[in-house]
Amino acid sequence: MPQAVLNLRRIEFLAGLPMAAAEELAGIAEMRRFPDGARVYTQGDQIPGVYVVVKGGLKVFRTDGRGRVQVLQFLKVGDCVGEVPVFDGVPIASSAESHGETECWLIPSAPLRQVVHRHPEVAEMLIQHFAAKVRHLVTLVETLSLHSVPERVAQLLIEAHEANPTRSIVEFQETQEDLAQCIGASREAFSRALRLLTDLGLIQSTFPVVRILDLGKLQRYAKG
């Protein structure tokens, strides 16, 4: 199976694509490469389609025009961004920068819409995909509005641990500044929160490596 088709099928809402449709999209997808820290698109752009990460990652964020940044998500291999503007036609509401040397397939909007219209099973998966994005944003709003910075850091550690639950060690690829922007805090506040969690005996931090010492207590602390 061609690599481009495999890359497309890594996307949740395209995983069930019939082979002919997958090959059709792969045939018109364009590979784009970005050095570390390059701007992929800017908040308010009318982007040409969906970006699928096949190497490296993307930092997706919003700014308020005054230098403050809220990171919405770090996308890894197999993740995608841009699917909302494909279907509502509105300029994208976020910006994205490459995180490391990054390669993305760009799937143009019009062919993707046609595939979804022709394949009801893909439309169903797309609905589930959008529902998951809404849940993610609701959780983000709750975290930012109802929890203290140390509680947000605890939740961040728990989410990182869930990606590899057999290990007590979490190793971040992101900087403290990046992670602080994920939870709406300053780098200094993020660092203080790590020290507090360490003093409470919940973690042992030699950032970017953090060892979770008591997962149950950390989970209870994260809930406030």
C-alpha atoms as a PDB file:
ATOM      1  CA  MET A   1       0.000   0.000   0.000  1.00  0.00           C
ATOM      2  CA  PRO A   2       1.483   3.433  -0.935  1.00  0.00           C
ATOM      3  CA  GLN A   3       2.802   5.480   2.002  1.00  0.00           C
ATOM      4  CA  ALA A   4       0.486   8.386   1.170  1.00  0.00           C
ATOM      5  CA  VAL A   5      -2.545   6.110   1.544  1.00  0.00           C
ATOM      6  CA  LEU A   6      -1.231   4.803   4.880  1.00  0.00           C
ATOM      7  CA  ASN A   7      -0.768   8.383   6.084  1.00  0.00           C
ATOM      8  CA  LEU A   8      -4.347   9.267   5.192  1.00  0.00           C
ATOM      9  CA  ARG A   9      -5.710   6.219   6.973  1.00  0.00           C
ATOM     10  CA  ARG A  10      -3.976   7.301  10.160  1.00  0.00           C
ATOM     11  CA  ILE A  11      -6.542  10.104  10.393  1.00  0.00           C
ATOM     12  CA  GLU A  12      -9.457   9.018  12.550  1.00  0.00           C
ATOM     13  CA  PHE A  13     -12.253  10.173  10.253  1.00  0.00           C
ATOM     14  CA  LEU A  14     -10.541   8.810   7.128  1.00  0.00           C
ATOM     15  CA  ALA A  15      -9.523   5.446   8.587  1.00  0.00           C
ATOM     16  CA  GLY A  16     -12.454   3.653   6.938  1.00  0.00           C
ATOM     17  CA  LEU A  17     -11.986   5.118   3.482  1.00  0.00           C
ATOM     18  CA  PRO A  18     -12.482   2.676   0.605  1.00  0.00           C
ATOM     19  CA  MET A  19      -9.194   2.034  -1.172  1.00  0.00           C
ATOM     20  CA  ALA A  20     -10.270   3.878  -4.335  1.00  0.00           C
ATOM     21  CA  ALA A  21     -11.200   7.002  -2.356  1.00  0.00           C
ATOM     22  CA  ALA A  22      -7.985   6.850  -0.311  1.00  0.00           C
ATOM     23  CA  GLU A  23      -5.909   6.569  -3.483  1.00  0.00           C
ATOM     24  CA  GLU A  24      -7.866   9.457  -5.014  1.00  0.00           C
ATOM     25  CA  LEU A  25      -7.073  11.756  -2.082  1.00  0.00           C
ATOM     26  CA  ALA A  26      -3.466  10.559  -1.904  1.00  0.00           C
ATOM     27  CA  GLY A  27      -3.093  11.362  -5.584  1.00  0.00           C
ATOM     28  CA  ILE A  28      -3.986  15.026  -5.132  1.00  0.00           C
ATOM     29  CA  ALA A  29      -2.369  15.528  -1.695  1.00  0.00           C
ATOM     30  CA  GLU A  30       0.732  17.725  -1.641  1.00  0.00           C
ATOM     31  CA  MET A  31       3.726  17.186   0.636  1.00  0.00           C
ATOM     32  CA  ARG A  32       4.826  20.313   2.511  1.00  0.00           C
ATOM     33  CA  ARG A  33       7.983  20.514   4.610  1.00  0.00           C
ATOM     34  CA  PHE A  34       8.715  23.009   7.388  1.00  0.00           C
ATOM     35  CA  PRO A  35      11.852  23.686   9.441  1.00  0.00           C
ATOM     36  CA  ASP A  36      11.506  23.861  13.225  1.00  0.00           C
ATOM     37  CA  GLY A  37       9.499  26.908  14.317  1.00  0.00           C
ATOM     38  CA  ALA A  38       8.162  27.791  10.855  1.00  0.00           C
ATOM     39  CA  ARG A  39       4.704  29.327  10.579  1.00  0.00           C
ATOM     40  CA  VAL A  40       2.420  26.905   8.733  1.00  0.00           C
ATOM     41  CA  TYR A  41      -0.608  29.212   8.702  1.00  0.00           C
ATOM     42  CA  THR A  42      -1.833  32.240  10.630  1.00  0.00           C
ATOM     43  CA  GLN A  43      -5.037  32.859  12.537  1.00  0.00           C
ATOM     44  CA  GLY A  44      -7.535  34.386  10.086  1.00  0.00           C
ATOM     45  CA  ASP A  45      -6.049  32.717   6.977  1.00  0.00           C
ATOM     46  CA  GLN A  46      -8.263  31.026   4.418  1.00  0.00           C
ATOM     47  CA  ILE A  47      -6.271  27.800   4.379  1.00  0.00           C
ATOM     48  CA  PRO A  48      -6.368  25.527   1.309  1.00  0.00           C
ATOM     49  CA  GLY A  49      -7.205  22.233   3.031  1.00  0.00           C
ATOM     50  CA  VAL A  50      -6.353  19.787   5.796  1.00  0.00           C
ATOM     51  CA  TYR A  51      -2.778  19.368   7.032  1.00  0.00           C
ATOM     52  CA  VAL A  52      -1.894  15.803   8.057  1.00  0.00           C
ATOM     53  CA  VAL A  53       1.271  15.431  10.150  1.00  0.00           C
ATOM     54  CA  VAL A  54       3.501  12.631   8.870  1.00  0.00           C
ATOM     55  CA  LYS A  55       6.754  13.726  10.559  1.00  0.00           C
ATOM     56  CA  GLY A  56       7.499  16.049  13.470  1.00  0.00           C
ATOM     57  CA  GLY A  57       4.555  17.969  14.891  1.00  0.00           C
ATOM     58  CA  LEU A  58       2.490  21.149  14.889  1.00  0.00           C
ATOM     59  CA  LYS A  59       1.847  23.618  17.680  1.00  0.00           C
ATOM     60  CA  VAL A  60      -1.702  24.952  17.258  1.00  0.00           C
ATOM     61  CA  PHE A  61      -2.454  28.176  19.155  1.00  0.00           C
ATOM     62  CA  ARG A  62      -4.384  31.440  19.381  1.00  0.00           C
ATOM     63  CA  THR A  63      -3.111  34.907  20.261  1.00  0.00           C
ATOM     64  CA  ASP A  64      -4.888  37.993  21.567  1.00  0.00           C
ATOM     65  CA  GLY A  65      -2.815  40.456  19.530  1.00  0.00           C
ATOM     66  CA  ARG A  66      -0.991  41.630  22.663  1.00  0.00           C
ATOM     67  CA  GLY A  67       1.574  38.857  22.845  1.00  0.00           C
ATOM     68  CA  ARG A  68      -0.428  36.438  24.992  1.00  0.00           C
ATOM     69  CA  VAL A  69      -0.660  32.898  23.612  1.00  0.00           C
ATOM     70  CA  GLN A  70      -3.024  30.022  24.339  1.00  0.00           C
ATOM     71  CA  VAL A  71      -1.829  26.679  22.991  1.00  0.00           C
ATOM     72  CA  LEU A  72      -4.827  24.611  21.912  1.00  0.00           C
ATOM     73  CA  GLN A  73      -3.016  21.402  21.023  1.00  0.00           C
ATOM     74  CA  PHE A  74       0.267  19.809  20.041  1.00  0.00           C
ATOM     75  CA  LEU A  75      -0.353  17.635  16.978  1.00  0.00           C
ATOM     76  CA  LYS A  76       1.757  14.533  16.447  1.00  0.00           C
ATOM     77  CA  VAL A  77       2.146  12.080  13.560  1.00  0.00           C
ATOM     78  CA  GLY A  78      -1.284  11.004  12.332  1.00  0.00           C
ATOM     79  CA  ASP A  79      -3.065  14.103  13.672  1.00  0.00           C
ATOM     80  CA  CYS A  80      -4.609  16.697  11.400  1.00  0.00           C
ATOM     81  CA  VAL A  81      -5.785  20.300  11.461  1.00  0.00           C
ATOM     82  CA  GLY A  82      -7.899  22.442   9.143  1.00  0.00           C
ATOM     83  CA  GLU A  83     -10.901  20.157   8.851  1.00  0.00           C
ATOM     84  CA  VAL A  84     -13.335  22.737  10.279  1.00  0.00           C
ATOM     85  CA  PRO A  85     -12.675  25.443   7.628  1.00  0.00           C
ATOM     86  CA  VAL A  86     -12.980  22.764   4.930  1.00  0.00           C
ATOM     87  CA  PHE A  87     -16.664  22.428   5.759  1.00  0.00           C
ATOM     88  CA  ASP A  88     -17.717  25.858   7.030  1.00  0.00           C
ATOM     89  CA  GLY A  89     -15.646  27.985   4.630  1.00  0.00           C
ATOM     90  CA  VAL A  90     -14.671  30.423   7.385  1.00  0.00           C
ATOM     91  CA  PRO A  91     -11.038  31.551   7.915  1.00  0.00           C
ATOM     92  CA  ILE A  92      -9.241  29.365  10.422  1.00  0.00           C
ATOM     93  CA  ALA A  93      -9.446  30.410  14.076  1.00  0.00           C
ATOM     94  CA  SER A  94      -5.920  29.363  15.084  1.00  0.00           C
ATOM     95  CA  SER A  95      -2.300  29.611  14.019  1.00  0.00           C
ATOM     96  CA  ALA A  96       0.166  26.738  13.669  1.00  0.00           C
ATOM     97  CA  GLU A  97       3.941  26.425  13.834  1.00  0.00           C
ATOM     98  CA  SER A  98       6.100  23.397  13.132  1.00  0.00           C
ATOM     99  CA  HIS A  99       7.487  21.643  16.203  1.00  0.00           C
ATOM    100  CA  GLY A 100      10.737  20.130  15.038  1.00  0.00           C
ATOM    101  CA  GLU A 101      11.505  19.305  11.419  1.00  0.00           C
ATOM    102  CA  THR A 102       7.999  18.665  10.124  1.00  0.00           C
ATOM    103  CA  GLU A 103       6.341  17.166   7.068  1.00  0.00           C
ATOM    104  CA  CYS A 104       2.614  17.405   6.321  1.00  0.00           C
ATOM    105  CA  TRP A 105       0.359  16.151   3.580  1.00  0.00           C
ATOM    106  CA  LEU A 106      -1.976  18.938   2.472  1.00  0.00           C
ATOM    107  CA  ILE A 107      -5.338  17.545   1.285  1.00  0.00           C
ATOM    108  CA  PRO A 108      -7.221  20.194  -0.767  1.00  0.00           C
ATOM    109  CA  SER A 109     -10.654  21.186   0.517  1.00  0.00           C
ATOM    110  CA  ALA A 110     -12.869  20.547  -2.514  1.00  0.00           C
ATOM    111  CA  PRO A 111     -11.819  16.916  -3.178  1.00  0.00           C
ATOM    112  CA  LEU A 112     -12.138  16.092   0.520  1.00  0.00           C
ATOM    113  CA  ARG A 113     -15.691  17.485   0.625  1.00  0.00           C
ATOM    114  CA  GLN A 114     -16.574  15.404  -2.420  1.00  0.00           C
ATOM    115  CA  VAL A 115     -15.261  12.217  -0.784  1.00  0.00           C
ATOM    116  CA  VAL A 116     -17.294  12.879   2.370  1.00  0.00           C
ATOM    117  CA  HIS A 117     -20.449  13.512   0.324  1.00  0.00           C
ATOM    118  CA  ARG A 118     -19.995  10.244  -1.584  1.00  0.00           C
ATOM    119  CA  HIS A 119     -19.248   8.068   1.443  1.00  0.00           C
ATOM    120  CA  PRO A 120     -21.782   8.220   4.329  1.00  0.00           C
ATOM    121  CA  GLU A 121     -19.507   6.121   6.557  1.00  0.00           C
ATOM    122  CA  VAL A 122     -16.818   8.805   6.304  1.00  0.00           C
ATOM    123  CA  ALA A 123     -19.400  11.487   7.144  1.00  0.00           C
ATOM    124  CA  GLU A 124     -20.375   9.505  10.266  1.00  0.00           C
ATOM    125  CA  MET A 125     -16.753   9.243  11.371  1.00  0.00           C
ATOM    126  CA  LEU A 126     -16.301  12.957  10.700  1.00  0.00           C
ATOM    127  CA  ILE A 127     -19.235  13.767  13.009  1.00  0.00           C
ATOM    128  CA  GLN A 128     -17.606  11.683  15.750  1.00  0.00           C
ATOM    129  CA  HIS A 129     -14.300  13.452  15.086  1.00  0.00           C
ATOM    130  CA  PHE A 130     -15.899  16.905  15.484  1.00  0.00           C
ATOM    131  CA  ALA A 131     -17.693  15.757  18.649  1.00  0.00           C
ATOM    132  CA  ALA A 132     -14.323  14.772  20.137  1.00  0.00           C
ATOM    133  CA  LYS A 133     -12.911  18.211  19.278  1.00  0.00           C
ATOM    134  CA  VAL A 134     -15.853  19.869  21.067  1.00  0.00           C
ATOM    135  CA  ARG A 135     -15.254  17.715  24.151  1.00  0.00           C
ATOM    136  CA  HIS A 136     -11.564  18.675  24.083  1.00  0.00           C
ATOM    137  CA  LEU A 137     -12.408  22.391  23.963  1.00  0.00           C
ATOM    138  CA  VAL A 138     -15.017  22.078  26.738  1.00  0.00           C
ATOM    139  CA  THR A 139     -12.415  20.365  28.928  1.00  0.00           C
ATOM    140  CA  LEU A 140      -9.895  23.092  28.090  1.00  0.00           C
ATOM    141  CA  VAL A 141     -12.361  25.838  29.092  1.00  0.00           C
ATOM    142  CA  GLU A 142     -13.147  24.022  32.358  1.00  0.00           C
ATOM    143  CA  THR A 143      -9.455  23.596  33.150  1.00  0.00           C
ATOM    144  CA  LEU A 144      -8.639  27.250  32.517  1.00  0.00           C
ATOM    145  CA  SER A 145     -11.622  28.700  34.364  1.00  0.00           C
ATOM    146  CA  LEU A 146     -12.120  26.375  37.341  1.00  0.00           C
ATOM    147  CA  HIS A 147      -8.684  25.093  38.371  1.00  0.00           C
ATOM    148  CA  SER A 148      -5.543  26.610  39.865  1.00  0.00           C
ATOM    149  CA  VAL A 149      -2.236  26.483  37.998  1.00  0.00           C
ATOM    150  CA  PRO A 150      -0.852  23.585  40.116  1.00  0.00           C
ATOM    151  CA  GLU A 151      -4.082  21.638  39.484  1.00  0.00           C
ATOM    152  CA  ARG A 152      -3.743  22.307  35.746  1.00  0.00           C
ATOM    153  CA  VAL A 153      -0.134  21.069  35.802  1.00  0.00           C
ATOM    154  CA  ALA A 154      -1.240  17.944  37.667  1.00  0.00           C
ATOM    155  CA  GLN A 155      -3.877  17.294  34.994  1.00  0.00           C
ATOM    156  CA  LEU A 156      -1.291  17.834  32.261  1.00  0.00           C
ATOM    157  CA  LEU A 157       0.952  15.217  33.886  1.00  0.00           C
ATOM    158  CA  ILE A 158      -1.940  12.770  34.154  1.00  0.00           C
ATOM    159  CA  GLU A 159      -2.844  13.207  30.471  1.00  0.00           C
ATOM    160  CA  ALA A 160       0.797  12.643  29.484  1.00  0.00           C
ATOM    161  CA  HIS A 161       0.919   9.532  31.656  1.00  0.00           C
ATOM    162  CA  GLU A 162      -2.252   8.161  30.015  1.00  0.00           C
ATOM    163  CA  ALA A 163      -0.390   8.030  26.692  1.00  0.00           C
ATOM    164  CA  ASN A 164       1.924   5.399  28.244  1.00  0.00           C
ATOM    165  CA  PRO A 165       0.216   4.144  31.422  1.00  0.00           C
ATOM    166  CA  THR A 166       2.664   1.294  32.061  1.00  0.00           C
ATOM    167  CA  ARG A 167       5.430   3.764  32.960  1.00  0.00           C
ATOM    168  CA  SER A 168       5.626   6.092  35.944  1.00  0.00           C
ATOM    169  CA  ILE A 169       7.994   8.399  34.040  1.00  0.00           C
ATOM    170  CA  VAL A 170       6.733  11.153  31.728  1.00  0.00           C
ATOM    171  CA  GLU A 171       9.213  12.744  29.331  1.00  0.00           C
ATOM    172  CA  PHE A 172       8.092  15.913  27.570  1.00  0.00           C
ATOM    173  CA  GLN A 173       9.242  16.997  24.122  1.00  0.00           C
ATOM    174  CA  GLU A 174       7.813  20.471  24.702  1.00  0.00           C
ATOM    175  CA  THR A 175       9.475  23.273  26.673  1.00  0.00           C
ATOM    176  CA  GLN A 176       8.111  24.626  29.946  1.00  0.00           C
ATOM    177  CA  GLU A 177       7.047  27.737  28.010  1.00  0.00           C
ATOM    178  CA  ASP A 178       5.076  25.600  25.546  1.00  0.00           C
ATOM    179  CA  LEU A 179       3.352  23.625  28.295  1.00  0.00           C
ATOM    180  CA  ALA A 180       2.600  26.770  30.288  1.00  0.00           C
ATOM    181  CA  GLN A 181       0.851  28.196  27.227  1.00  0.00           C
ATOM    182  CA  CYS A 182      -1.257  25.013  27.056  1.00  0.00           C
ATOM    183  CA  ILE A 183      -2.703  25.708  30.502  1.00  0.00           C
ATOM    184  CA  GLY A 184      -2.907  29.503  30.333  1.00  0.00           C
ATOM    185  CA  ALA A 185      -0.010  30.192  32.707  1.00  0.00           C
ATOM    186  CA  SER A 186       3.415  31.807  32.664  1.00  0.00           C
ATOM    187  CA  ARG A 187       6.572  29.711  32.531  1.00  0.00           C
ATOM    188  CA  GLU A 188       7.412  30.894  36.047  1.00  0.00           C
ATOM    189  CA  ALA A 189       4.016  29.779  37.386  1.00  0.00           C
ATOM    190  CA  PHE A 190       4.434  26.418  35.665  1.00  0.00           C
ATOM    191  CA  SER A 191       7.852  25.941  37.278  1.00  0.00           C
ATOM    192  CA  ARG A 192       6.487  26.895  40.724  1.00  0.00           C
ATOM    193  CA  ALA A 193       3.674  24.357  40.287  1.00  0.00           C
ATOM    194  CA  LEU A 194       6.197  21.592  39.564  1.00  0.00           C
ATOM    195  CA  ARG A 195       8.063  22.511  42.748  1.00  0.00           C
ATOM    196  CA  LEU A 196       4.832  22.460  44.755  1.00  0.00           C
ATOM    197  CA  LEU A 197       3.838  19.028  43.438  1.00  0.00           C
ATOM    198  CA  THR A 198       7.353  17.836  44.274  1.00  0.00           C
ATOM    199  CA  ASP A 199       7.126  19.239  47.812  1.00  0.00           C
ATOM    200  CA  LEU A 200       3.784  17.453  48.258  1.00  0.00           C
ATOM    201  CA  GLY A 201       5.485  14.152  47.382  1.00  0.00           C
ATOM    202  CA  LEU A 202       3.339  13.599  44.279  1.00  0.00           C
ATOM    203  CA  ILE A 203       6.115  13.802  41.688  1.00  0.00           C
ATOM    204  CA  GLN A 204       9.875  13.958  41.249  1.00  0.00           C
ATOM    205  CA  SER A 205      10.834  16.498  38.597  1.00  0.00           C
ATOM    206  CA  THR A 206      14.044  16.828  36.621  1.00  0.00           C
ATOM    207  CA  PHE A 207      12.231  18.496  33.738  1.00  0.00           C
ATOM    208  CA  PRO A 208      11.706  17.494  30.959  1.00  0.00           C
ATOM    209  CA  VAL A 209      11.558  14.148  32.791  1.00  0.00           C
ATOM    210  CA  VAL A 210       8.945  13.840  35.537  1.00  0.00           C
ATOM    211  CA  ARG A 211       8.403  10.733  37.674  1.00  0.00           C
ATOM    212  CA  ILE A 212       4.905  10.285  39.102  1.00  0.00           C
ATOM    213  CA  LEU A 213       5.300   8.998  42.662  1.00  0.00           C
ATOM    214  CA  ASP A 214       1.623   8.666  43.639  1.00  0.00           C
ATOM    215  CA  LEU A 215      -0.804   8.617  40.709  1.00  0.00           C
ATOM    216  CA  GLY A 216      -3.940   8.298  42.869  1.00  0.00           C
ATOM    217  CA  LYS A 217      -3.091  11.354  44.982  1.00  0.00           C
ATOM    218  CA  LEU A 218      -2.073  13.301  41.868  1.00  0.00           C
ATOM    219  CA  GLN A 219      -5.457  12.518  40.277  1.00  0.00           C
ATOM    220  CA  ARG A 220      -7.306  13.656  43.385  1.00  0.00           C
ATOM    221  CA  TYR A 221      -5.203  16.833  43.564  1.00  0.00           C
ATOM    222  CA  ALA A 222      -5.950  17.629  39.890  1.00  0.00           C
ATOM    223  CA  LYS A 223      -9.691  17.538  40.614  1.00  0.00           C
ATOM    224  CA  GLY A 224      -9.293  20.197  43.281  1.00  0.00           C
END
